[in-house]
C-alpha atoms as a PDB file:
ATOM      1  CA  MET A   1      65.469  15.032  -3.054  1.00  0.00           C
ATOM      2  CA  ASN A   2      62.894  12.186  -4.847  1.00  0.00           C
ATOM      3  CA  LYS A   3      63.475   8.253  -4.577  1.00  0.00           C
ATOM      4  CA  ALA A   4      63.791   5.967  -7.101  1.00  0.00           C
ATOM      5  CA  ILE A   5      60.133   6.007  -9.333  1.00  0.00           C
ATOM      6  CA  ASP A   6      58.592   1.882  -8.726  1.00  0.00           C
ATOM      7  CA  LYS A   7      57.858   0.956 -12.210  1.00  0.00           C
ATOM      8  CA  GLU A   8      56.847  -2.035 -10.861  1.00  0.00           C
ATOM      9  CA  TRP A   9      54.264  -1.084  -8.695  1.00  0.00           C
ATOM     10  CA  PHE A  10      52.413   0.954 -11.544  1.00  0.00           C
ATOM     11  CA  ARG A  11      52.935  -1.794 -13.897  1.00  0.00           C
ATOM     12  CA  GLN A  12      50.743  -4.200 -11.382  1.00  0.00           C
ATOM     13  CA  ALA A  13      48.617  -1.621 -10.576  1.00  0.00           C
ATOM     14  CA  ILE A  14      47.639  -0.689 -14.012  1.00  0.00           C
ATOM     15  CA  LYS A  15      46.952  -3.806 -14.967  1.00  0.00           C
ATOM     16  CA  ALA A  16      44.973  -4.502 -11.452  1.00  0.00           C
ATOM     17  CA  ALA A  17      42.690  -1.343 -12.031  1.00  0.00           C
ATOM     18  CA  GLY A  18      41.912  -3.232 -15.838  1.00  0.00           C
ATOM     19  CA  TYR A  19      43.482  -1.359 -18.368  1.00  0.00           C
ATOM     20  CA  LYS A  20      44.903  -3.506 -21.139  1.00  0.00           C
ATOM     21  CA  SER A  21      48.289  -1.141 -21.811  1.00  0.00           C
ATOM     22  CA  GLN A  22      49.897   1.620 -20.459  1.00  0.00           C
ATOM     23  CA  ASN A  23      49.179   3.843 -23.080  1.00  0.00           C
ATOM     24  CA  ALA A  24      45.558   3.282 -22.113  1.00  0.00           C
ATOM     25  CA  PHE A  25      45.890   3.685 -18.755  1.00  0.00           C
ATOM     26  CA  ALA A  26      47.831   7.160 -19.982  1.00  0.00           C
ATOM     27  CA  GLU A  27      44.989   8.182 -22.197  1.00  0.00           C
ATOM     28  CA  ALA A  28      42.792   7.599 -19.030  1.00  0.00           C
ATOM     29  CA  ILE A  29      44.429   9.939 -17.341  1.00  0.00           C
ATOM     30  CA  GLY A  30      44.572  12.689 -20.066  1.00  0.00           C
ATOM     31  CA  LEU A  31      48.279  11.881 -20.599  1.00  0.00           C
ATOM     32  CA  THR A  32      49.798  10.698 -24.044  1.00  0.00           C
ATOM     33  CA  GLY A  33      52.062   7.321 -23.603  1.00  0.00           C
ATOM     34  CA  PRO A  34      55.129   9.104 -24.386  1.00  0.00           C
ATOM     35  CA  LYS A  35      54.074  11.434 -21.505  1.00  0.00           C
ATOM     36  CA  PHE A  36      53.514   8.601 -18.950  1.00  0.00           C
ATOM     37  CA  THR A  37      56.607   7.060 -20.217  1.00  0.00           C
ATOM     38  CA  ASN A  38      59.137   9.588 -19.265  1.00  0.00           C
ATOM     39  CA  THR A  39      56.937  10.513 -16.096  1.00  0.00           C
ATOM     40  CA  LEU A  40      58.025   6.907 -15.178  1.00  0.00           C
ATOM     41  CA  LYS A  41      61.512   7.464 -16.006  1.00  0.00           C
ATOM     42  CA  GLY A  42      61.719  10.568 -13.654  1.00  0.00           C
ATOM     43  CA  ASP A  43      62.813  12.485 -17.167  1.00  0.00           C
ATOM     44  CA  ARG A  44      58.888  14.457 -16.153  1.00  0.00           C
ATOM     45  CA  ARG A  45      57.839  15.985 -13.271  1.00  0.00           C
ATOM     46  CA  VAL A  46      54.346  14.838 -12.262  1.00  0.00           C
ATOM     47  CA  GLN A  47      52.065  17.725 -12.042  1.00  0.00           C
ATOM     48  CA  ALA A  48      49.797  17.798  -8.399  1.00  0.00           C
ATOM     49  CA  ASP A  49      46.587  17.717 -10.572  1.00  0.00           C
ATOM     50  CA  GLU A  50      48.088  14.400 -12.438  1.00  0.00           C
ATOM     51  CA  ILE A  51      48.728  12.545  -8.563  1.00  0.00           C
ATOM     52  CA  GLU A  52      44.556  12.845  -8.095  1.00  0.00           C
ATOM     53  CA  LYS A  53      43.693  11.442 -11.587  1.00  0.00           C
ATOM     54  CA  ILE A  54      46.180   8.587 -11.440  1.00  0.00           C
ATOM     55  CA  SER A  55      45.149   7.475  -8.070  1.00  0.00           C
ATOM     56  CA  SER A  56      41.246   8.168  -9.019  1.00  0.00           C
ATOM     57  CA  ALA A  57      41.883   5.993 -12.174  1.00  0.00           C
ATOM     58  CA  LEU A  58      43.872   3.513 -10.386  1.00  0.00           C
ATOM     59  CA  GLY A  59      41.818   2.875  -7.181  1.00  0.00           C
ATOM     60  CA  GLU A  60      44.745   3.670  -4.940  1.00  0.00           C
ATOM     61  CA  SER A  61      45.375   6.530  -2.335  1.00  0.00           C
ATOM     62  CA  ASP A  62      47.425   9.968  -3.478  1.00  0.00           C
ATOM     63  CA  ARG A  63      49.961   8.515  -0.516  1.00  0.00           C
ATOM     64  CA  ASN A  64      50.874   5.493  -2.347  1.00  0.00           C
ATOM     65  CA  VAL A  65      51.232   7.156  -5.912  1.00  0.00           C
ATOM     66  CA  LYS A  66      53.142   9.703  -4.426  1.00  0.00           C
ATOM     67  CA  ILE A  67      55.410   6.749  -2.651  1.00  0.00           C
ATOM     68  CA  ALA A  68      55.792   4.908  -5.856  1.00  0.00           C
ATOM     69  CA  LEU A  69      56.862   7.853  -7.941  1.00  0.00           C
ATOM     70  CA  GLY A  70      59.986   8.322  -5.333  1.00  0.00           C
ATOM     71  CA  ILE A  71      58.376  11.605  -3.753  1.00  0.00           C
ATOM     72  CA  GLU A  72      58.785  12.419  -0.126  1.00  0.00           C
ATOM     73  CA  VAL A  73      55.457  12.385   1.844  1.00  0.00           C
ATOM     74  CA  ASN A  74      55.054  14.237   5.125  1.00  0.00           C
ATOM     75  CA  THR A  75      54.293  12.617   7.854  1.00  0.00           C
ATOM     76  CA  SER A  76      50.927  14.489   9.787  1.00  0.00           C
ATOM     77  CA  ALA A  77      48.185  17.240   9.371  1.00  0.00           C
ATOM     78  CA  GLU A  78      44.815  17.894  10.370  1.00  0.00           C
ATOM     79  CA  TYR A  79      41.408  16.832   9.262  1.00  0.00           C
ATOM     80  CA  LYS A  80      37.795  17.686   9.682  1.00  0.00           C
ATOM     81  CA  ILE A  81      35.879  14.663  10.283  1.00  0.00           C
ATOM     82  CA  ALA A  82      32.674  14.435   7.406  1.00  0.00           C
ATOM     83  CA  GLY A  83      30.494  12.151   9.299  1.00  0.00           C
ATOM     84  CA  TYR A  84      30.584   8.675  10.934  1.00  0.00           C
ATOM     85  CA  VAL A  85      29.732   4.702  10.021  1.00  0.00           C
ATOM     86  CA  SER A  86      27.332   3.065  12.656  1.00  0.00           C
ATOM     87  CA  ALA A  87      25.407  -0.559  12.897  1.00  0.00           C
ATOM     88  CA  ALA A  88      24.653  -2.145   9.928  1.00  0.00           C
ATOM     89  CA  ASP A  89      27.267  -0.775   8.242  1.00  0.00           C
ATOM     90  CA  ARG A  90      25.129   2.634   7.529  1.00  0.00           C
ATOM     91  CA  VAL A  91      26.801   5.875   6.939  1.00  0.00           C
ATOM     92  CA  VAL A  92      26.200   9.138   7.502  1.00  0.00           C
ATOM     93  CA  LEU A  93      27.975  12.598   6.620  1.00  0.00           C
ATOM     94  CA  TYR A  94      27.408  15.794   8.620  1.00  0.00           C
ATOM     95  CA  ASP A  95      26.671  19.101   7.002  1.00  0.00           C
ATOM     96  CA  GLN A  96      29.262  21.565   6.928  1.00  0.00           C
ATOM     97  CA  ASP A  97      28.783  23.060  10.163  1.00  0.00           C
ATOM     98  CA  ASP A  98      29.191  19.902  12.156  1.00  0.00           C
ATOM     99  CA  MET A  99      32.397  18.988  10.312  1.00  0.00           C
ATOM    100  CA  GLU A 100      34.208  22.349  12.011  1.00  0.00           C
ATOM    101  CA  ALA A 101      33.024  20.508  15.361  1.00  0.00           C
ATOM    102  CA  ASP A 102      35.281  17.363  14.994  1.00  0.00           C
ATOM    103  CA  ILE A 103      39.262  17.649  13.962  1.00  0.00           C
ATOM    104  CA  ILE A 104      41.768  14.751  14.286  1.00  0.00           C
ATOM    105  CA  GLU A 105      45.197  14.860  13.132  1.00  0.00           C
ATOM    106  CA  LEU A 106      46.259  11.946  10.864  1.00  0.00           C
ATOM    107  CA  PRO A 107      49.436  10.665   9.830  1.00  0.00           C
ATOM    108  CA  ILE A 108      48.991  11.536   6.218  1.00  0.00           C
ATOM    109  CA  PHE A 109      50.246  15.097   4.980  1.00  0.00           C
ATOM    110  CA  TYR A 110      47.875  15.316   2.082  1.00  0.00           C
ATOM    111  CA  TYR A 111      44.535  13.792   1.762  1.00  0.00           C
ATOM    112  CA  PRO A 112      42.353  15.079  -0.717  1.00  0.00           C
ATOM    113  CA  GLY A 113      39.298  12.870   0.133  1.00  0.00           C
ATOM    114  CA  VAL A 114      36.800  12.968   3.692  1.00  0.00           C
ATOM    115  CA  THR A 115      37.270  11.101   6.780  1.00  0.00           C
ATOM    116  CA  LEU A 116      34.859   9.360   8.656  1.00  0.00           C
ATOM    117  CA  ARG A 117      35.024   8.154  12.707  1.00  0.00           C
ATOM    118  CA  VAL A 118      33.703   4.507  12.881  1.00  0.00           C
ATOM    119  CA  LYS A 119      31.326   4.169  15.994  1.00  0.00           C
ATOM    120  CA  GLY A 120      30.142   0.835  17.774  1.00  0.00           C
ATOM    121  CA  GLU A 121      31.741  -2.241  17.674  1.00  0.00           C
ATOM    122  CA  SER A 122      29.272  -4.396  15.151  1.00  0.00           C
ATOM    123  CA  MET A 123      32.486  -3.783  12.223  1.00  0.00           C
ATOM    124  CA  THR A 124      35.168  -5.776  15.025  1.00  0.00           C
ATOM    125  CA  PRO A 125      37.709  -6.985  14.068  1.00  0.00           C
ATOM    126  CA  ARG A 126      37.910  -4.998  11.114  1.00  0.00           C
ATOM    127  CA  TYR A 127      37.089  -2.090  11.657  1.00  0.00           C
ATOM    128  CA  LYS A 128      37.281  -0.671  15.634  1.00  0.00           C
ATOM    129  CA  PRO A 129      35.672   1.494  17.563  1.00  0.00           C
ATOM    130  CA  ASN A 130      37.077   5.183  17.151  1.00  0.00           C
ATOM    131  CA  GLU A 131      38.937   4.295  13.596  1.00  0.00           C
ATOM    132  CA  ILE A 132      38.577   6.746  11.041  1.00  0.00           C
ATOM    133  CA  ILE A 133      37.876   6.007   7.620  1.00  0.00           C
ATOM    134  CA  GLY A 134      39.414   8.072   4.478  1.00  0.00           C
ATOM    135  CA  ILE A 135      37.313   7.811   1.224  1.00  0.00           C
ATOM    136  CA  ARG A 136      36.874  10.618  -1.764  1.00  0.00           C
ATOM    137  CA  LEU A 137      34.014  12.447  -3.052  1.00  0.00           C
ATOM    138  CA  PRO A 138      32.381  12.766  -5.168  1.00  0.00           C
ATOM    139  CA  GLY A 139      32.697   9.014  -5.985  1.00  0.00           C
ATOM    140  CA  LEU A 140      32.362   6.656  -9.304  1.00  0.00           C
ATOM    141  CA  ASP A 141      29.412   6.631 -10.929  1.00  0.00           C
ATOM    142  CA  LYS A 142      30.375   2.674 -10.967  1.00  0.00           C
ATOM    143  CA  PRO A 143      33.361   0.590  -9.443  1.00  0.00           C
ATOM    144  CA  THR A 144      36.539   0.247 -11.509  1.00  0.00           C
ATOM    145  CA  ILE A 145      37.251  -3.765 -11.730  1.00  0.00           C
ATOM    146  CA  SER A 146      39.773  -3.224  -9.021  1.00  0.00           C
ATOM    147  CA  MET A 147      37.488  -2.683  -6.366  1.00  0.00           C
ATOM    148  CA  PHE A 148      35.721  -6.105  -6.394  1.00  0.00           C
ATOM    149  CA  GLY A 149      36.221  -7.907  -2.989  1.00  0.00           C
ATOM    150  CA  LYS A 150      37.263  -4.661  -1.031  1.00  0.00           C
ATOM    151  CA  ASP A 151      35.725  -1.995   1.112  1.00  0.00           C
ATOM    152  CA  VAL A 152      33.713   0.473  -0.283  1.00  0.00           C
ATOM    153  CA  VAL A 153      31.151   3.015   0.381  1.00  0.00           C
ATOM    154  CA  ALA A 154      28.810   3.578  -1.961  1.00  0.00           C
ATOM    155  CA  ARG A 155      25.457   5.927  -1.698  1.00  0.00           C
ATOM    156  CA  LEU A 156      22.433   2.894  -3.182  1.00  0.00           C
ATOM    157  CA  GLY A 157      19.381   3.794  -5.923  1.00  0.00           C
ATOM    158  CA  ASP A 158      17.320   4.299  -2.374  1.00  0.00           C
ATOM    159  CA  GLY A 159      19.368   7.040  -1.040  1.00  0.00           C
ATOM    160  CA  ARG A 160      20.775   4.707   1.666  1.00  0.00           C
ATOM    161  CA  LEU A 161      25.269   5.125   2.395  1.00  0.00           C
ATOM    162  CA  VAL A 162      26.399   2.291   3.257  1.00  0.00           C
ATOM    163  CA  LEU A 163      30.281   0.494   3.810  1.00  0.00           C
ATOM    164  CA  LYS A 164      30.240  -2.648   2.496  1.00  0.00           C
ATOM    165  CA  THR A 165      32.416  -5.251   0.539  1.00  0.00           C
ATOM    166  CA  ILE A 166      31.788  -4.988  -3.055  1.00  0.00           C
ATOM    167  CA  TYR A 167      31.596  -7.543  -5.636  1.00  0.00           C
ATOM    168  CA  LYS A 168      30.110  -7.626  -9.699  1.00  0.00           C
ATOM    169  CA  GLY A 169      26.346  -8.797  -9.445  1.00  0.00           C
ATOM    170  CA  ASP A 170      24.487 -11.880 -11.310  1.00  0.00           C
ATOM    171  CA  GLU A 171      22.512  -8.817 -13.387  1.00  0.00           C
ATOM    172  CA  GLU A 172      24.114  -6.152 -15.696  1.00  0.00           C
ATOM    173  CA  GLY A 173      24.544  -3.284 -14.050  1.00  0.00           C
ATOM    174  CA  THR A 174      24.011  -4.970 -10.241  1.00  0.00           C
ATOM    175  CA  TYR A 175      25.741  -5.497  -7.667  1.00  0.00           C
ATOM    176  CA  SER A 176      26.128  -7.707  -4.546  1.00  0.00           C
ATOM    177  CA  LEU A 177      27.698  -5.771  -1.084  1.00  0.00           C
ATOM    178  CA  ILE A 178      28.897  -8.031   1.586  1.00  0.00           C
ATOM    179  CA  SER A 179      28.503  -6.584   5.480  1.00  0.00           C
ATOM    180  CA  VAL A 180      31.670  -6.720   7.405  1.00  0.00           C
ATOM    181  CA  ASN A 181      29.373  -8.162  10.309  1.00  0.00           C
ATOM    182  CA  THR A 182      27.854 -11.741   9.102  1.00  0.00           C
ATOM    183  CA  ASN A 183      24.502 -10.959  11.276  1.00  0.00           C
ATOM    184  CA  VAL A 184      23.736  -8.341   8.566  1.00  0.00           C
ATOM    185  CA  PRO A 185      22.355  -9.658   5.521  1.00  0.00           C
ATOM    186  CA  PRO A 186      23.868  -9.138   2.242  1.00  0.00           C
ATOM    187  CA  ILE A 187      22.148  -6.515  -0.146  1.00  0.00           C
ATOM    188  CA  THR A 188      22.339  -8.334  -3.765  1.00  0.00           C
ATOM    189  CA  LYS A 189      21.357  -6.804  -6.975  1.00  0.00           C
ATOM    190  CA  ALA A 190      21.994  -3.735  -5.393  1.00  0.00           C
ATOM    191  CA  GLU A 191      21.936  -0.570  -7.825  1.00  0.00           C
ATOM    192  CA  ILE A 192      24.715   2.351  -7.675  1.00  0.00           C
ATOM    193  CA  ASP A 193      24.595   6.131  -7.311  1.00  0.00           C
ATOM    194  CA  TRP A 194      28.362   6.592  -6.738  1.00  0.00           C
ATOM    195  CA  VAL A 195      30.804   4.042  -4.858  1.00  0.00           C
ATOM    196  CA  SER A 196      34.223   5.044  -3.226  1.00  0.00           C
ATOM    197  CA  PRO A 197      36.718   2.510  -2.228  1.00  0.00           C
ATOM    198  CA  VAL A 198      37.907   2.786   1.572  1.00  0.00           C
ATOM    199  CA  ASP A 199      42.058   4.411   0.777  1.00  0.00           C
ATOM    200  CA  PHE A 200      42.782   3.387   4.743  1.00  0.00           C
ATOM    201  CA  HIS A 201      41.486   3.111   8.089  1.00  0.00           C
ATOM    202  CA  ILE A 202      43.498   4.298  11.414  1.00  0.00           C
ATOM    203  CA  SER A 203      43.514   3.511  14.597  1.00  0.00           C
ATOM    204  CA  LEU A 204      44.650   6.889  16.703  1.00  0.00           C
END
């Protein structure tokens, strides 16, 4: 049985994501204002693909959206490790064959993204060795307002993949990327091909 829908959570999340109104948010996820209102009232059943659209538009995990919708969330499932994060916040994504060799169980029943393993101690204490990080691919062409000041995985214009804290840059269309490790210099005036927020990081 579904629990009560957390309307206040949605109100705050929609505002934090930069939408001027609930109707504007509804339009962004392909719904009419009345349909989304009925969803929050519990008068309309939310569809599985709508949960993914809502989480993507808000920069939130599917799990958080489901909990806010009052949907029961199962506890665990197996996931393939899709790559790793190493020194200097460098991210490496495996090819499909390598992914099959490393399978883990996480306390998340359904996650539509990919998981990365942290290697080494260069990002402690925020990210500890062997922690698992979740991101969703493909990423967005540009960050949403709600991503600023948060950790993301970004593909830079020069092809590098990095895990950094993202901020708006001084010039239009550029961004500042700050390392978790204070010994690694920041990347300023960065141009980004795509960006994906870190949805979670878990110690096993």
